[in-house]
């Protein structure tokens, strides 16, 4: 497939679409704005730095954390946004789950990064993309006064988030917080649940 034939179909605010677009940007693959798995992109376009670690154990660890993000952590983040419009008890449980997961990510970052800027080392890798595509959503939740990435509790993640968002492969993909917050408000207005954002 010629690079110019590649088209990404999806919503700009979708963390999964952001994940794909960031991976393609890292690989310097041209596309027009089909959602594909990040591992597929790494295997298909071998130019640029590898997204998944070359070591089998490190690759399995990165995939484990990506599944954790998708199956446990992001649902808690989504529940916070939903619960802010519904009831405080549900929100408190979602906040507890989200903060516990974030503490685990801080530990994972310390181990996986080996003192470097990213989970993947010197450059953005699979796990960086898996978690990083949710940073805009985190910022929207933080507009309500809940600090998720805290300089005292998660200093590694705070620095990682700054490095991730500053990368040229990410800058053009990451939505502005205000634009995403406006989208969230509009989305909840359509469903009848008023968010506190």
N, C-alpha and C. Protein backbone atom coordinates (compact mmCIF):
# COMPACT_ATOMS: atom_id res chain seq x y z
N UNK A 1 0.85 -1.18 0.00
CA UNK A 1 0.00 0.00 0.00
C UNK A 1 0.89 1.23 0.00
N UNK A 2 0.61 2.13 -0.90
CA UNK A 2 1.34 3.40 -0.91
C UNK A 2 0.96 4.20 0.32
N UNK A 3 1.94 4.88 0.90
CA UNK A 3 1.69 5.65 2.12
C UNK A 3 0.57 6.67 1.95
N UNK A 4 0.48 7.27 0.76
CA UNK A 4 -0.55 8.29 0.55
C UNK A 4 -1.95 7.70 0.50
N UNK A 5 -2.07 6.38 0.34
CA UNK A 5 -3.37 5.72 0.32
C UNK A 5 -3.90 5.45 1.72
N UNK A 6 -3.09 5.64 2.73
CA UNK A 6 -3.50 5.33 4.09
C UNK A 6 -4.44 6.40 4.62
N UNK A 7 -5.60 5.95 5.13
CA UNK A 7 -6.59 6.87 5.68
C UNK A 7 -6.94 6.44 7.09
N UNK A 8 -7.02 7.39 7.99
CA UNK A 8 -7.42 7.13 9.37
C UNK A 8 -8.85 7.62 9.52
N UNK A 9 -9.76 6.71 9.85
CA UNK A 9 -11.15 7.08 10.05
C UNK A 9 -11.44 7.00 11.54
N UNK A 10 -11.87 8.07 12.11
CA UNK A 10 -12.17 8.06 13.53
C UNK A 10 -12.40 9.47 14.04
N UNK A 11 -12.78 9.55 15.29
CA UNK A 11 -13.06 10.84 15.92
C UNK A 11 -11.77 11.40 16.52
N UNK A 12 -11.57 12.70 16.40
CA UNK A 12 -10.35 13.35 16.89
C UNK A 12 -10.17 13.14 18.38
N UNK A 13 -11.25 13.04 19.15
CA UNK A 13 -11.15 12.93 20.60
C UNK A 13 -10.94 11.49 21.08
N UNK A 14 -10.99 10.52 20.18
CA UNK A 14 -10.84 9.12 20.55
C UNK A 14 -9.40 8.79 20.93
N UNK A 15 -9.18 8.32 22.16
CA UNK A 15 -7.82 7.92 22.53
C UNK A 15 -7.26 6.82 21.63
N UNK A 16 -8.13 5.96 21.12
CA UNK A 16 -7.65 4.88 20.25
C UNK A 16 -7.21 5.42 18.89
N UNK A 17 -7.90 6.41 18.38
CA UNK A 17 -7.48 7.04 17.13
C UNK A 17 -6.19 7.82 17.35
N UNK A 18 -6.10 8.52 18.49
CA UNK A 18 -4.85 9.24 18.82
C UNK A 18 -3.68 8.26 18.86
N UNK A 19 -3.92 7.09 19.46
CA UNK A 19 -2.88 6.07 19.57
C UNK A 19 -2.33 5.71 18.20
N UNK A 20 -3.24 5.47 17.25
CA UNK A 20 -2.83 5.10 15.89
C UNK A 20 -2.09 6.25 15.21
N UNK A 21 -2.62 7.45 15.32
CA UNK A 21 -2.00 8.59 14.65
C UNK A 21 -0.61 8.90 15.21
N UNK A 22 -0.44 8.80 16.51
CA UNK A 22 0.88 9.04 17.11
C UNK A 22 1.88 8.01 16.61
N UNK A 23 1.45 6.74 16.58
CA UNK A 23 2.35 5.68 16.10
C UNK A 23 2.76 5.92 14.65
N UNK A 24 1.81 6.31 13.81
CA UNK A 24 2.14 6.61 12.41
C UNK A 24 3.07 7.81 12.30
N UNK A 25 2.86 8.82 13.12
CA UNK A 25 3.75 9.98 13.11
C UNK A 25 5.16 9.59 13.51
N UNK A 26 5.30 8.73 14.52
CA UNK A 26 6.63 8.28 14.94
C UNK A 26 7.33 7.56 13.80
N UNK A 27 6.57 6.77 13.06
CA UNK A 27 7.13 6.02 11.94
C UNK A 27 7.28 6.86 10.68
N UNK A 28 6.89 8.13 10.75
CA UNK A 28 6.96 9.04 9.60
C UNK A 28 6.16 8.51 8.40
N UNK A 29 5.00 7.95 8.68
CA UNK A 29 4.13 7.42 7.64
C UNK A 29 3.05 8.46 7.34
N UNK A 30 2.95 8.84 6.08
CA UNK A 30 1.92 9.80 5.69
C UNK A 30 0.55 9.14 5.69
N UNK A 31 -0.45 9.88 6.10
CA UNK A 31 -1.82 9.36 6.12
C UNK A 31 -2.79 10.51 5.98
N UNK A 32 -3.99 10.16 5.62
CA UNK A 32 -5.07 11.14 5.58
C UNK A 32 -5.98 10.84 6.75
N UNK A 33 -6.34 12.01 7.53
CA UNK A 33 -7.17 11.92 8.74
C UNK A 33 -8.60 11.81 8.34
N UNK A 34 -8.63 4.20 9.36
CA UNK A 34 -8.95 2.89 9.80
C UNK A 34 -8.19 2.58 11.04
N UNK A 35 -8.69 2.48 11.87
CA UNK A 35 -8.08 2.26 13.18
C UNK A 35 -7.38 0.92 13.17
N UNK A 36 -6.09 0.91 13.42
CA UNK A 36 -5.29 -0.30 13.43
C UNK A 36 -4.61 -0.45 14.78
N UNK A 37 -4.20 -1.65 15.09
CA UNK A 37 -3.46 -1.91 16.32
C UNK A 37 -2.05 -1.34 16.19
N UNK A 38 -1.52 -0.81 17.27
CA UNK A 38 -0.19 -0.21 17.27
C UNK A 38 0.87 -1.24 16.89
N UNK A 39 0.75 -2.47 17.38
CA UNK A 39 1.71 -3.52 17.05
C UNK A 39 1.77 -3.78 15.55
N UNK A 40 0.61 -3.73 14.89
CA UNK A 40 0.55 -3.91 13.44
C UNK A 40 1.32 -2.80 12.73
N UNK A 41 1.18 -1.59 13.19
CA UNK A 41 1.89 -0.45 12.59
C UNK A 41 3.39 -0.64 12.74
N UNK A 42 3.84 -1.09 13.91
CA UNK A 42 5.26 -1.30 14.16
C UNK A 42 5.84 -2.37 13.25
N UNK A 43 5.06 -3.44 13.01
CA UNK A 43 5.53 -4.54 12.16
C UNK A 43 5.47 -4.18 10.68
N UNK A 44 4.48 -3.42 10.27
CA UNK A 44 4.28 -3.11 8.86
C UNK A 44 5.23 -2.03 8.36
N UNK A 45 5.42 -0.98 9.15
CA UNK A 45 6.30 0.12 8.76
C UNK A 45 7.52 0.09 9.67
N UNK A 46 8.60 -0.44 9.13
CA UNK A 46 9.80 -0.65 9.94
C UNK A 46 10.70 0.58 9.98
N UNK A 47 10.34 1.64 9.28
CA UNK A 47 11.15 2.86 9.34
C UNK A 47 10.98 3.52 10.69
N UNK A 48 11.92 4.32 11.09
CA UNK A 48 11.83 5.02 12.37
C UNK A 48 12.10 4.09 13.53
N UNK A 49 12.03 4.63 14.73
CA UNK A 49 12.31 3.81 15.91
C UNK A 49 11.21 2.77 16.14
N UNK A 50 11.60 1.65 16.75
CA UNK A 50 10.63 0.61 17.08
C UNK A 50 9.70 1.12 18.18
N UNK A 51 8.42 0.81 18.07
CA UNK A 51 7.45 1.22 19.07
C UNK A 51 7.41 0.21 20.21
N UNK A 52 7.43 -1.07 19.87
CA UNK A 52 7.47 -2.13 20.89
C UNK A 52 8.92 -2.45 21.22
N UNK A 53 9.21 -2.76 22.49
CA UNK A 53 10.58 -3.14 22.86
C UNK A 53 11.02 -4.40 22.10
N UNK A 54 12.30 -4.52 21.81
CA UNK A 54 12.80 -5.68 21.09
C UNK A 54 12.91 -6.90 22.01
N UNK A 55 13.17 -6.69 23.29
CA UNK A 55 13.26 -7.77 24.26
C UNK A 55 11.87 -8.36 24.49
N UNK A 56 11.75 -9.70 24.43
CA UNK A 56 10.45 -10.36 24.55
C UNK A 56 9.76 -10.06 25.89
N UNK A 57 10.52 -10.07 26.98
CA UNK A 57 9.93 -9.78 28.30
C UNK A 57 9.43 -8.34 28.36
N UNK A 58 10.25 -7.41 27.90
CA UNK A 58 9.85 -6.00 27.90
C UNK A 58 8.64 -5.77 27.01
N UNK A 59 8.59 -6.48 25.87
CA UNK A 59 7.45 -6.37 24.96
C UNK A 59 6.18 -6.89 25.64
N UNK A 60 6.28 -8.03 26.32
CA UNK A 60 5.13 -8.58 27.04
C UNK A 60 4.68 -7.65 28.16
N UNK A 61 5.65 -7.04 28.85
CA UNK A 61 5.32 -6.09 29.92
C UNK A 61 4.57 -4.89 29.36
N UNK A 62 5.05 -4.35 28.26
CA UNK A 62 4.38 -3.21 27.63
C UNK A 62 2.96 -3.57 27.21
N UNK A 63 2.79 -4.76 26.64
CA UNK A 63 1.44 -5.19 26.23
C UNK A 63 0.54 -5.40 27.44
N UNK A 64 1.08 -5.94 28.52
CA UNK A 64 0.29 -6.11 29.76
C UNK A 64 -0.25 -4.77 30.23
N UNK A 65 0.64 -3.77 30.32
CA UNK A 65 0.21 -2.47 30.82
C UNK A 65 -0.78 -1.81 29.87
N UNK A 66 -0.62 -2.02 28.57
CA UNK A 66 -1.58 -1.45 27.61
C UNK A 66 -2.97 -2.04 27.81
N UNK A 67 -3.05 -3.35 28.06
CA UNK A 67 -4.34 -3.99 28.34
C UNK A 67 -4.91 -3.47 29.65
N UNK A 68 -4.06 -3.29 30.65
CA UNK A 68 -4.51 -2.73 31.93
C UNK A 68 -5.10 -1.34 31.73
N UNK A 69 -4.43 -0.53 30.94
CA UNK A 69 -4.93 0.82 30.66
C UNK A 69 -6.31 0.75 30.02
N UNK A 70 -6.45 -0.09 28.99
CA UNK A 70 -7.71 -0.18 28.27
C UNK A 70 -8.84 -0.79 29.10
N UNK A 71 -8.52 -1.83 29.87
CA UNK A 71 -9.56 -2.59 30.57
C UNK A 71 -9.87 -2.11 31.98
N UNK A 72 -8.93 -1.50 32.67
CA UNK A 72 -9.13 -1.12 34.07
C UNK A 72 -9.06 0.38 34.30
N UNK A 73 -7.99 0.99 33.81
CA UNK A 73 -7.72 2.38 34.15
C UNK A 73 -8.63 3.35 33.41
N UNK A 74 -8.73 3.22 32.08
CA UNK A 74 -9.58 4.13 31.33
C UNK A 74 -11.05 4.02 31.72
N UNK A 75 -11.59 2.81 31.94
CA UNK A 75 -12.98 2.76 32.41
C UNK A 75 -13.19 3.54 33.71
N UNK A 76 -12.20 3.52 34.60
CA UNK A 76 -12.31 4.30 35.84
C UNK A 76 -12.31 5.79 35.53
N UNK A 77 -11.46 6.22 34.60
CA UNK A 77 -11.43 7.62 34.18
C UNK A 77 -12.78 8.02 33.59
N UNK A 78 -13.33 7.17 32.74
CA UNK A 78 -14.62 7.45 32.13
C UNK A 78 -15.72 7.51 33.18
N UNK A 79 -15.68 6.62 34.16
CA UNK A 79 -16.69 6.61 35.23
C UNK A 79 -16.65 7.90 36.05
N UNK A 80 -15.46 8.47 36.22
CA UNK A 80 -15.36 9.74 36.96
C UNK A 80 -16.13 10.82 36.22
N UNK A 81 -15.89 10.92 34.92
CA UNK A 81 -16.59 11.93 34.13
C UNK A 81 -18.10 11.70 34.18
N UNK A 82 -18.50 10.45 34.07
CA UNK A 82 -19.93 10.11 34.11
C UNK A 82 -20.51 10.35 35.50
N UNK A 83 -19.79 9.93 36.52
CA UNK A 83 -20.29 10.02 37.89
C UNK A 83 -20.39 11.45 38.38
N UNK A 84 -19.52 12.33 37.88
CA UNK A 84 -19.59 13.73 38.29
C UNK A 84 -20.97 14.30 37.98
N UNK A 85 -21.62 13.72 37.00
CA UNK A 85 -22.95 14.18 36.65
C UNK A 85 -24.04 13.39 37.38
N UNK A 86 -23.68 12.31 38.05
CA UNK A 86 -24.68 11.45 38.67
C UNK A 86 -24.59 11.47 40.19
N UNK A 87 -23.80 10.59 40.76
CA UNK A 87 -23.77 10.54 42.22
C UNK A 87 -22.34 10.46 42.77
N UNK A 88 -22.16 11.05 43.92
CA UNK A 88 -20.84 11.19 44.53
C UNK A 88 -20.21 9.85 44.90
N UNK A 89 -20.99 8.89 45.33
CA UNK A 89 -20.44 7.59 45.75
C UNK A 89 -19.78 6.87 44.58
N UNK A 90 -20.44 6.84 43.45
CA UNK A 90 -19.87 6.20 42.27
C UNK A 90 -18.60 6.93 41.83
N UNK A 91 -18.62 8.25 41.93
CA UNK A 91 -17.45 9.04 41.56
C UNK A 91 -16.28 8.73 42.50
N UNK A 92 -16.55 8.62 43.79
CA UNK A 92 -15.49 8.34 44.76
C UNK A 92 -14.83 7.00 44.48
N UNK A 93 -15.60 5.99 44.12
CA UNK A 93 -15.04 4.67 43.81
C UNK A 93 -14.20 4.74 42.53
N UNK A 94 -14.69 5.44 41.53
CA UNK A 94 -13.94 5.57 40.28
C UNK A 94 -12.63 6.33 40.51
N UNK A 95 -12.68 7.38 41.33
CA UNK A 95 -11.47 8.15 41.66
C UNK A 95 -10.46 7.25 42.36
N UNK A 96 -10.94 6.45 43.30
CA UNK A 96 -10.06 5.53 44.04
C UNK A 96 -9.36 4.57 43.07
N UNK A 97 -10.12 3.99 42.14
CA UNK A 97 -9.55 3.06 41.16
C UNK A 97 -8.55 3.76 40.25
N UNK A 98 -8.91 4.95 39.81
CA UNK A 98 -8.04 5.69 38.90
C UNK A 98 -6.72 6.06 39.58
N UNK A 99 -6.78 6.56 40.80
CA UNK A 99 -5.56 6.95 41.51
C UNK A 99 -4.70 5.74 41.86
N UNK A 100 -5.33 4.61 42.19
CA UNK A 100 -4.57 3.38 42.46
C UNK A 100 -3.85 2.92 41.19
N UNK A 101 -4.54 2.98 40.07
CA UNK A 101 -3.91 2.62 38.80
C UNK A 101 -2.78 3.56 38.43
N UNK A 102 -2.97 4.84 38.70
CA UNK A 102 -1.93 5.83 38.41
C UNK A 102 -0.69 5.59 39.26
N UNK A 103 -0.88 5.19 40.52
CA UNK A 103 0.26 4.85 41.38
C UNK A 103 1.01 3.64 40.82
N UNK A 104 0.27 2.67 40.30
CA UNK A 104 0.92 1.51 39.66
C UNK A 104 1.71 1.95 38.43
N UNK A 105 1.17 2.89 37.66
CA UNK A 105 1.89 3.38 36.49
C UNK A 105 3.17 4.09 36.88
N UNK A 106 3.16 4.80 37.99
CA UNK A 106 4.38 5.47 38.46
C UNK A 106 5.46 4.42 38.73
N UNK A 107 5.10 3.33 39.40
CA UNK A 107 6.06 2.25 39.66
C UNK A 107 6.52 1.61 38.35
N UNK A 108 5.57 1.36 37.45
CA UNK A 108 5.92 0.75 36.16
C UNK A 108 6.84 1.67 35.37
N UNK A 109 6.59 2.97 35.43
CA UNK A 109 7.45 3.92 34.71
C UNK A 109 8.87 3.85 35.24
N UNK A 110 9.03 3.83 36.56
CA UNK A 110 10.36 3.77 37.15
C UNK A 110 11.11 2.53 36.68
N UNK A 111 10.40 1.39 36.57
CA UNK A 111 11.04 0.14 36.15
C UNK A 111 11.27 0.08 34.65
N UNK A 112 10.26 0.42 33.87
CA UNK A 112 10.35 0.29 32.42
C UNK A 112 11.27 1.32 31.78
N UNK A 113 11.25 2.54 32.29
CA UNK A 113 12.01 3.62 31.66
C UNK A 113 13.51 3.52 31.92
N UNK A 114 13.87 2.83 33.01
CA UNK A 114 15.28 2.69 33.38
C UNK A 114 15.96 4.05 33.45
N UNK A 115 15.23 5.04 34.00
CA UNK A 115 15.78 6.38 34.18
C UNK A 115 15.72 7.27 32.95
N UNK A 116 15.11 6.81 31.90
CA UNK A 116 15.03 7.60 30.66
C UNK A 116 13.70 8.36 30.62
N UNK A 117 13.47 9.08 29.54
CA UNK A 117 12.30 9.97 29.43
C UNK A 117 10.98 9.26 29.20
N UNK A 118 11.02 8.06 28.63
CA UNK A 118 9.79 7.38 28.24
C UNK A 118 9.76 5.95 28.80
N UNK A 119 8.57 5.38 28.85
CA UNK A 119 8.45 3.97 29.25
C UNK A 119 9.33 3.13 28.33
N UNK A 120 9.39 3.51 27.04
CA UNK A 120 10.16 2.78 26.07
C UNK A 120 11.63 3.15 26.03
N UNK A 121 12.10 3.99 26.94
CA UNK A 121 13.51 4.38 26.96
C UNK A 121 13.71 5.80 26.47
N UNK A 122 14.58 5.94 25.46
CA UNK A 122 14.91 7.27 24.94
C UNK A 122 13.85 7.82 23.99
N UNK A 123 13.04 6.93 23.42
CA UNK A 123 12.02 7.39 22.47
C UNK A 123 10.66 6.79 22.84
N UNK A 124 9.62 7.37 22.31
CA UNK A 124 8.26 6.91 22.59
C UNK A 124 8.10 5.48 22.08
N UNK A 125 7.53 4.64 22.93
CA UNK A 125 7.27 3.25 22.58
C UNK A 125 5.81 2.90 22.78
N UNK A 126 5.54 1.62 22.72
CA UNK A 126 4.19 1.08 22.78
C UNK A 126 3.42 1.54 24.02
N UNK A 127 4.02 1.37 25.18
CA UNK A 127 3.34 1.73 26.43
C UNK A 127 3.14 3.23 26.55
N UNK A 128 4.09 4.01 26.05
CA UNK A 128 3.94 5.47 26.05
C UNK A 128 2.70 5.87 25.25
N UNK A 129 2.53 5.25 24.10
CA UNK A 129 1.37 5.55 23.26
C UNK A 129 0.09 5.08 23.93
N UNK A 130 0.12 3.86 24.51
CA UNK A 130 -1.08 3.31 25.15
C UNK A 130 -1.61 4.22 26.25
N UNK A 131 -0.73 4.77 27.07
CA UNK A 131 -1.16 5.65 28.16
C UNK A 131 -1.26 7.10 27.70
N UNK A 132 -0.34 7.52 26.87
CA UNK A 132 -0.27 8.93 26.47
C UNK A 132 -1.49 9.43 25.73
N UNK A 133 -2.16 8.56 25.01
CA UNK A 133 -3.33 9.01 24.26
C UNK A 133 -4.49 9.40 25.17
N UNK A 134 -4.39 9.12 26.47
CA UNK A 134 -5.43 9.51 27.42
C UNK A 134 -5.10 10.81 28.16
N UNK A 135 -3.95 11.40 27.90
CA UNK A 135 -3.55 12.59 28.65
C UNK A 135 -4.52 13.76 28.47
N UNK A 136 -5.05 13.94 27.28
CA UNK A 136 -6.01 15.04 27.08
C UNK A 136 -7.26 14.81 27.92
N UNK A 137 -7.70 13.58 28.03
CA UNK A 137 -8.88 13.25 28.85
C UNK A 137 -8.57 13.48 30.33
N UNK A 138 -7.35 13.15 30.75
CA UNK A 138 -6.96 13.41 32.14
C UNK A 138 -7.04 14.90 32.44
N UNK A 139 -6.57 15.70 31.52
CA UNK A 139 -6.59 17.15 31.74
C UNK A 139 -8.02 17.68 31.86
N UNK A 140 -8.94 17.10 31.10
CA UNK A 140 -10.35 17.51 31.20
C UNK A 140 -10.89 17.16 32.58
N UNK A 141 -10.59 15.96 33.07
CA UNK A 141 -11.02 15.57 34.42
C UNK A 141 -10.39 16.49 35.46
N UNK A 142 -9.13 16.86 35.25
CA UNK A 142 -8.44 17.73 36.21
C UNK A 142 -9.03 19.15 36.26
N UNK A 143 -9.76 19.54 35.22
CA UNK A 143 -10.44 20.84 35.25
C UNK A 143 -11.45 20.92 36.39
N UNK A 144 -11.91 19.76 36.86
CA UNK A 144 -12.87 19.70 37.96
C UNK A 144 -12.19 19.70 39.32
N UNK A 145 -10.88 19.90 39.35
CA UNK A 145 -10.17 20.01 40.62
C UNK A 145 -9.53 18.73 41.11
N UNK A 146 -9.66 17.64 40.38
CA UNK A 146 -9.04 16.38 40.78
C UNK A 146 -7.66 16.29 40.13
N UNK A 147 -6.61 16.26 40.94
CA UNK A 147 -5.25 16.14 40.41
C UNK A 147 -4.90 14.66 40.30
N UNK A 148 -4.62 14.23 39.09
CA UNK A 148 -4.31 12.82 38.85
C UNK A 148 -2.80 12.63 38.76
N UNK A 149 -2.15 13.43 37.94
CA UNK A 149 -0.69 13.40 37.86
C UNK A 149 -0.17 14.48 38.79
N UNK A 150 0.37 14.05 39.91
CA UNK A 150 0.79 14.95 40.98
C UNK A 150 2.31 14.95 41.09
N UNK A 151 2.92 16.12 41.13
CA UNK A 151 4.38 16.23 41.17
C UNK A 151 4.99 15.53 42.38
N UNK A 152 4.25 15.44 43.49
CA UNK A 152 4.78 14.77 44.68
C UNK A 152 4.54 13.26 44.65
N UNK A 153 3.36 12.84 44.21
CA UNK A 153 3.01 11.42 44.24
C UNK A 153 3.45 10.67 42.99
N UNK A 154 3.44 11.35 41.86
CA UNK A 154 3.81 10.70 40.59
C UNK A 154 4.78 11.57 39.80
N UNK A 155 5.94 11.88 40.38
CA UNK A 155 6.88 12.79 39.69
C UNK A 155 7.38 12.24 38.35
N UNK A 156 7.57 10.94 38.28
CA UNK A 156 8.03 10.34 37.03
C UNK A 156 7.01 10.53 35.92
N UNK A 157 5.74 10.31 36.25
CA UNK A 157 4.68 10.45 35.26
C UNK A 157 4.48 11.90 34.85
N UNK A 158 4.66 12.83 35.78
CA UNK A 158 4.52 14.25 35.44
C UNK A 158 5.56 14.62 34.39
N UNK A 159 6.81 14.24 34.61
CA UNK A 159 7.87 14.51 33.64
C UNK A 159 7.65 13.78 32.33
N UNK A 160 7.22 12.52 32.45
CA UNK A 160 6.94 11.72 31.26
C UNK A 160 5.85 12.39 30.41
N UNK A 161 4.77 12.85 31.05
CA UNK A 161 3.66 13.48 30.33
C UNK A 161 4.13 14.72 29.59
N UNK A 162 4.98 15.51 30.23
CA UNK A 162 5.53 16.71 29.57
C UNK A 162 6.36 16.32 28.35
N UNK A 163 7.23 15.31 28.51
CA UNK A 163 8.06 14.85 27.40
C UNK A 163 7.21 14.28 26.27
N UNK A 164 6.21 13.49 26.64
CA UNK A 164 5.34 12.86 25.65
C UNK A 164 4.61 13.92 24.82
N UNK A 165 3.98 14.86 25.49
CA UNK A 165 3.19 15.88 24.79
C UNK A 165 4.05 16.84 23.99
N UNK A 166 5.32 16.97 24.35
CA UNK A 166 6.23 17.86 23.63
C UNK A 166 6.80 17.22 22.37
N UNK A 167 6.66 15.91 22.23
CA UNK A 167 7.22 15.21 21.08
C UNK A 167 6.47 15.61 19.80
N UNK A 168 7.20 15.78 18.72
CA UNK A 168 6.59 16.24 17.47
C UNK A 168 5.55 15.26 16.92
N UNK A 169 5.69 13.96 17.22
CA UNK A 169 4.72 12.97 16.76
C UNK A 169 3.38 13.11 17.49
N UNK A 170 3.40 13.77 18.64
CA UNK A 170 2.22 13.86 19.49
C UNK A 170 1.54 15.23 19.38
N UNK A 171 2.33 16.27 19.25
CA UNK A 171 1.80 17.65 19.31
C UNK A 171 0.58 17.89 18.43
N UNK A 172 0.65 17.47 17.17
CA UNK A 172 -0.44 17.77 16.24
C UNK A 172 -1.66 16.86 16.46
N UNK A 173 -1.49 15.79 17.21
CA UNK A 173 -2.57 14.82 17.43
C UNK A 173 -3.33 15.11 18.72
N UNK A 174 -2.63 15.54 19.75
CA UNK A 174 -3.23 15.75 21.07
C UNK A 174 -4.21 16.92 21.02
N UNK A 175 -5.48 16.67 21.35
CA UNK A 175 -6.45 17.76 21.32
C UNK A 175 -6.22 18.77 22.43
N UNK A 176 -6.61 20.00 22.18
CA UNK A 176 -6.52 21.04 23.20
C UNK A 176 -7.53 20.72 24.30
N UNK A 177 -7.15 20.97 25.53
CA UNK A 177 -8.00 20.65 26.68
C UNK A 177 -9.35 21.35 26.58
N UNK A 178 -9.35 22.63 26.24
CA UNK A 178 -10.60 23.38 26.14
C UNK A 178 -11.54 22.83 25.09
N UNK A 179 -10.98 22.46 23.95
CA UNK A 179 -11.79 21.90 22.87
C UNK A 179 -12.41 20.57 23.29
N UNK A 180 -11.61 19.73 23.94
CA UNK A 180 -12.11 18.43 24.39
C UNK A 180 -13.15 18.61 25.51
N UNK A 181 -12.92 19.55 26.41
CA UNK A 181 -13.88 19.81 27.49
C UNK A 181 -15.21 20.28 26.91
N UNK A 182 -15.15 21.11 25.89
CA UNK A 182 -16.36 21.59 25.22
C UNK A 182 -17.09 20.42 24.57
N UNK A 183 -16.34 19.52 23.94
CA UNK A 183 -16.93 18.32 23.34
C UNK A 183 -17.63 17.48 24.40
N UNK A 184 -16.96 17.27 25.54
CA UNK A 184 -17.53 16.46 26.62
C UNK A 184 -18.83 17.09 27.12
N UNK A 185 -18.81 18.39 27.33
CA UNK A 185 -20.03 19.09 27.78
C UNK A 185 -21.16 18.90 26.78
N UNK A 186 -20.85 19.05 25.50
CA UNK A 186 -21.86 18.87 24.45
C UNK A 186 -22.38 17.46 24.39
N UNK A 187 -21.49 16.52 24.58
CA UNK A 187 -21.87 15.10 24.55
C UNK A 187 -22.83 14.80 25.69
N UNK A 188 -22.51 15.28 26.89
CA UNK A 188 -23.38 15.05 28.04
C UNK A 188 -24.69 15.81 27.90
N UNK A 189 -24.65 16.96 27.26
CA UNK A 189 -25.89 17.72 27.06
C UNK A 189 -26.85 16.94 26.18
N UNK A 190 -26.31 16.21 25.19
CA UNK A 190 -27.15 15.40 24.31
C UNK A 190 -27.73 14.20 25.03
N UNK A 191 -27.00 13.66 26.02
CA UNK A 191 -27.49 12.48 26.74
C UNK A 191 -28.31 12.85 27.96
N UNK A 192 -28.36 14.13 28.29
CA UNK A 192 -29.16 14.57 29.43
C UNK A 192 -28.45 14.52 30.75
N UNK A 193 -27.17 14.21 30.77
CA UNK A 193 -26.41 14.16 32.02
C UNK A 193 -25.46 15.35 32.06
N UNK A 194 -25.71 16.34 32.90
CA UNK A 194 -24.84 17.52 32.93
C UNK A 194 -23.53 17.27 33.66
N UNK A 195 -22.36 17.36 32.98
CA UNK A 195 -21.08 17.20 33.66
C UNK A 195 -20.73 18.46 34.43
N UNK A 196 -19.83 18.32 35.37
CA UNK A 196 -19.42 19.48 36.16
C UNK A 196 -18.25 20.20 35.53
N UNK A 197 -17.77 19.74 34.39
CA UNK A 197 -16.63 20.37 33.71
C UNK A 197 -17.01 21.72 33.16
